[in-house]
């Protein structure tokens, strides 16, 4: 019996394969407090600088990326985790095939 939880045994299987020159996003959870989006990037793809109206958490599940957080640039890899307050300018570029979880805190 489901008691309000969500269990995903293997998040990488949920990401699947991503075609060359593409970014795929899929909402895997959404309620009144949080939204979780699974992103898959092919190598070289990027999300240009933008801002979120709500706090967000990025967790790199697979691959390597360059994250720009405000004026800072960070090399991110599997296991990297970052909290971003609302309004922080940020961008991401995939240096390899990349799987990322984005959690938006409403």
C-alpha atoms as a PDB file:
ATOM      1  CA  UNK A   1       0.000   0.000   0.000  1.00  0.00           C
ATOM      2  CA  UNK A   2       1.436   3.404  -1.008  1.00  0.00           C
ATOM      3  CA  UNK A   3       1.486   5.729   1.978  1.00  0.00           C
ATOM      4  CA  UNK A   4       2.223   8.906   0.047  1.00  0.00           C
ATOM      5  CA  UNK A   5       5.801   8.145  -0.890  1.00  0.00           C
ATOM      6  CA  UNK A   6       7.440   7.799  -4.280  1.00  0.00           C
ATOM      7  CA  UNK A   7      10.134   5.164  -4.805  1.00  0.00           C
ATOM      8  CA  UNK A   8      12.313   4.966  -7.912  1.00  0.00           C
ATOM      9  CA  UNK A   9      14.743   2.078  -7.766  1.00  0.00           C
ATOM     10  CA  UNK A  10      17.082   3.294 -10.532  1.00  0.00           C
ATOM     11  CA  UNK A  11      16.905   6.925 -11.591  1.00  0.00           C
ATOM     12  CA  UNK A  12      19.329   6.301 -14.478  1.00  0.00           C
ATOM     13  CA  UNK A  13      16.872   3.876 -16.059  1.00  0.00           C
ATOM     14  CA  UNK A  14      14.253   6.617 -15.861  1.00  0.00           C
ATOM     15  CA  UNK A  15      16.606   8.948 -17.754  1.00  0.00           C
ATOM     16  CA  UNK A  16      17.088   6.508 -20.642  1.00  0.00           C
ATOM     17  CA  UNK A  17      19.317   7.300 -23.591  1.00  0.00           C
ATOM     18  CA  UNK A  18      19.408  10.810 -24.966  1.00  0.00           C
ATOM     19  CA  UNK A  19      19.865  11.509 -28.668  1.00  0.00           C
ATOM     20  CA  UNK A  20      22.789  13.566 -29.943  1.00  0.00           C
ATOM     21  CA  UNK A  21      22.294  17.350 -29.773  1.00  0.00           C
ATOM     22  CA  UNK A  22      19.357  17.150 -27.394  1.00  0.00           C
ATOM     23  CA  UNK A  23      18.141  17.798 -23.877  1.00  0.00           C
ATOM     24  CA  UNK A  24      15.264  15.780 -22.456  1.00  0.00           C
ATOM     25  CA  UNK A  25      13.402  16.755 -19.295  1.00  0.00           C
ATOM     26  CA  UNK A  26      10.739  14.828 -17.457  1.00  0.00           C
ATOM     27  CA  UNK A  27       8.867  15.737 -14.291  1.00  0.00           C
ATOM     28  CA  UNK A  28       9.113  12.748 -11.961  1.00  0.00           C
ATOM     29  CA  UNK A  29       7.335  14.298  -8.979  1.00  0.00           C
ATOM     30  CA  UNK A  30       5.169  17.351  -8.371  1.00  0.00           C
ATOM     31  CA  UNK A  31       3.070  18.451  -5.403  1.00  0.00           C
ATOM     32  CA  UNK A  32       2.231  21.709  -3.608  1.00  0.00           C
ATOM     33  CA  UNK A  33       5.706  21.954  -1.997  1.00  0.00           C
ATOM     34  CA  UNK A  34       8.221  20.543  -4.464  1.00  0.00           C
ATOM     35  CA  UNK A  35       8.727  19.696  -8.130  1.00  0.00           C
ATOM     36  CA  UNK A  36      11.446  17.272  -9.245  1.00  0.00           C
ATOM     37  CA  UNK A  37      12.600  17.220 -12.864  1.00  0.00           C
ATOM     38  CA  UNK A  38      14.984  14.672 -14.367  1.00  0.00           C
ATOM     39  CA  UNK A  39      17.175  16.133 -17.122  1.00  0.00           C
ATOM     40  CA  UNK A  40      19.303  14.244 -19.645  1.00  0.00           C
ATOM     41  CA  UNK A  41      21.771  16.216 -21.778  1.00  0.00           C
ATOM     42  CA  UNK A  42      23.876  14.996 -24.653  1.00  0.00           C
ATOM     43  CA  UNK A  43      27.501  16.144 -24.610  1.00  0.00           C
ATOM     44  CA  UNK A  44      27.878  19.832 -25.433  1.00  0.00           C
ATOM     45  CA  UNK A  45      24.263  20.818 -24.760  1.00  0.00           C
ATOM     46  CA  UNK A  46      23.532  23.674 -22.393  1.00  0.00           C
ATOM     47  CA  UNK A  47      20.886  25.657 -20.612  1.00  0.00           C
ATOM     48  CA  UNK A  48      21.805  29.309 -21.023  1.00  0.00           C
ATOM     49  CA  UNK A  49      21.830  31.701 -18.096  1.00  0.00           C
ATOM     50  CA  UNK A  50      18.467  32.073 -16.420  1.00  0.00           C
ATOM     51  CA  UNK A  51      16.937  32.637 -12.977  1.00  0.00           C
ATOM     52  CA  UNK A  52      14.385  30.660 -11.024  1.00  0.00           C
ATOM     53  CA  UNK A  53      11.609  32.382  -9.072  1.00  0.00           C
ATOM     54  CA  UNK A  54      11.998  29.707  -6.376  1.00  0.00           C
ATOM     55  CA  UNK A  55      14.914  28.026  -4.576  1.00  0.00           C
ATOM     56  CA  UNK A  56      16.327  25.000  -6.393  1.00  0.00           C
ATOM     57  CA  UNK A  57      18.671  22.060  -5.840  1.00  0.00           C
ATOM     58  CA  UNK A  58      20.782  20.509  -8.602  1.00  0.00           C
ATOM     59  CA  UNK A  59      22.155  16.995  -8.126  1.00  0.00           C
ATOM     60  CA  UNK A  60      24.441  15.544 -10.812  1.00  0.00           C
ATOM     61  CA  UNK A  61      23.600  11.847 -11.124  1.00  0.00           C
ATOM     62  CA  UNK A  62      25.857  10.952 -14.072  1.00  0.00           C
ATOM     63  CA  UNK A  63      28.463  12.731 -16.167  1.00  0.00           C
ATOM     64  CA  UNK A  64      30.305  16.029 -15.972  1.00  0.00           C
ATOM     65  CA  UNK A  65      29.194  19.613 -16.418  1.00  0.00           C
ATOM     66  CA  UNK A  66      30.249  23.206 -16.018  1.00  0.00           C
ATOM     67  CA  UNK A  67      27.900  25.119 -13.722  1.00  0.00           C
ATOM     68  CA  UNK A  68      27.824  28.886 -13.599  1.00  0.00           C
ATOM     69  CA  UNK A  69      26.372  30.120 -10.316  1.00  0.00           C
ATOM     70  CA  UNK A  70      26.220  33.890 -10.209  1.00  0.00           C
ATOM     71  CA  UNK A  71      29.798  34.962 -10.991  1.00  0.00           C
ATOM     72  CA  UNK A  72      31.325  31.587 -10.039  1.00  0.00           C
ATOM     73  CA  UNK A  73      32.092  28.703 -12.377  1.00  0.00           C
ATOM     74  CA  UNK A  74      32.213  25.177 -10.944  1.00  0.00           C
ATOM     75  CA  UNK A  75      33.211  21.833 -12.434  1.00  0.00           C
ATOM     76  CA  UNK A  76      30.495  19.379 -11.460  1.00  0.00           C
ATOM     77  CA  UNK A  77      30.529  15.601 -11.706  1.00  0.00           C
ATOM     78  CA  UNK A  78      28.579  12.601 -10.504  1.00  0.00           C
ATOM     79  CA  UNK A  79      27.627  13.272  -6.890  1.00  0.00           C
ATOM     80  CA  UNK A  80      27.905  17.072  -7.097  1.00  0.00           C
ATOM     81  CA  UNK A  81      25.079  18.890  -5.317  1.00  0.00           C
ATOM     82  CA  UNK A  82      24.203  22.578  -5.137  1.00  0.00           C
ATOM     83  CA  UNK A  83      21.493  24.649  -3.477  1.00  0.00           C
ATOM     84  CA  UNK A  84      20.541  27.842  -5.325  1.00  0.00           C
ATOM     85  CA  UNK A  85      18.434  30.594  -3.766  1.00  0.00           C
ATOM     86  CA  UNK A  86      15.654  32.096  -5.871  1.00  0.00           C
ATOM     87  CA  UNK A  87      16.854  34.716  -8.339  1.00  0.00           C
ATOM     88  CA  UNK A  88      20.424  33.411  -8.647  1.00  0.00           C
ATOM     89  CA  UNK A  89      21.592  33.614 -12.279  1.00  0.00           C
ATOM     90  CA  UNK A  90      22.837  30.198 -13.348  1.00  0.00           C
ATOM     91  CA  UNK A  91      23.601  28.058 -16.395  1.00  0.00           C
ATOM     92  CA  UNK A  92      24.805  24.535 -17.141  1.00  0.00           C
ATOM     93  CA  UNK A  93      26.860  22.995 -19.939  1.00  0.00           C
ATOM     94  CA  UNK A  94      27.247  19.234 -20.340  1.00  0.00           C
ATOM     95  CA  UNK A  95      30.887  18.225 -20.804  1.00  0.00           C
ATOM     96  CA  UNK A  96      29.761  14.601 -21.294  1.00  0.00           C
ATOM     97  CA  UNK A  97      26.427  12.836 -21.426  1.00  0.00           C
ATOM     98  CA  UNK A  98      24.754  14.212 -18.305  1.00  0.00           C
ATOM     99  CA  UNK A  99      21.882  13.187 -16.042  1.00  0.00           C
ATOM    100  CA  UNK A 100      20.753  15.767 -13.491  1.00  0.00           C
ATOM    101  CA  UNK A 101      17.954  16.003 -10.937  1.00  0.00           C
ATOM    102  CA  UNK A 102      16.483  19.471 -10.428  1.00  0.00           C
ATOM    103  CA  UNK A 103      14.372  20.005  -7.314  1.00  0.00           C
ATOM    104  CA  UNK A 104      12.316  23.196  -7.216  1.00  0.00           C
ATOM    105  CA  UNK A 105      11.158  24.230  -3.752  1.00  0.00           C
ATOM    106  CA  UNK A 106       7.786  25.997  -3.957  1.00  0.00           C
END
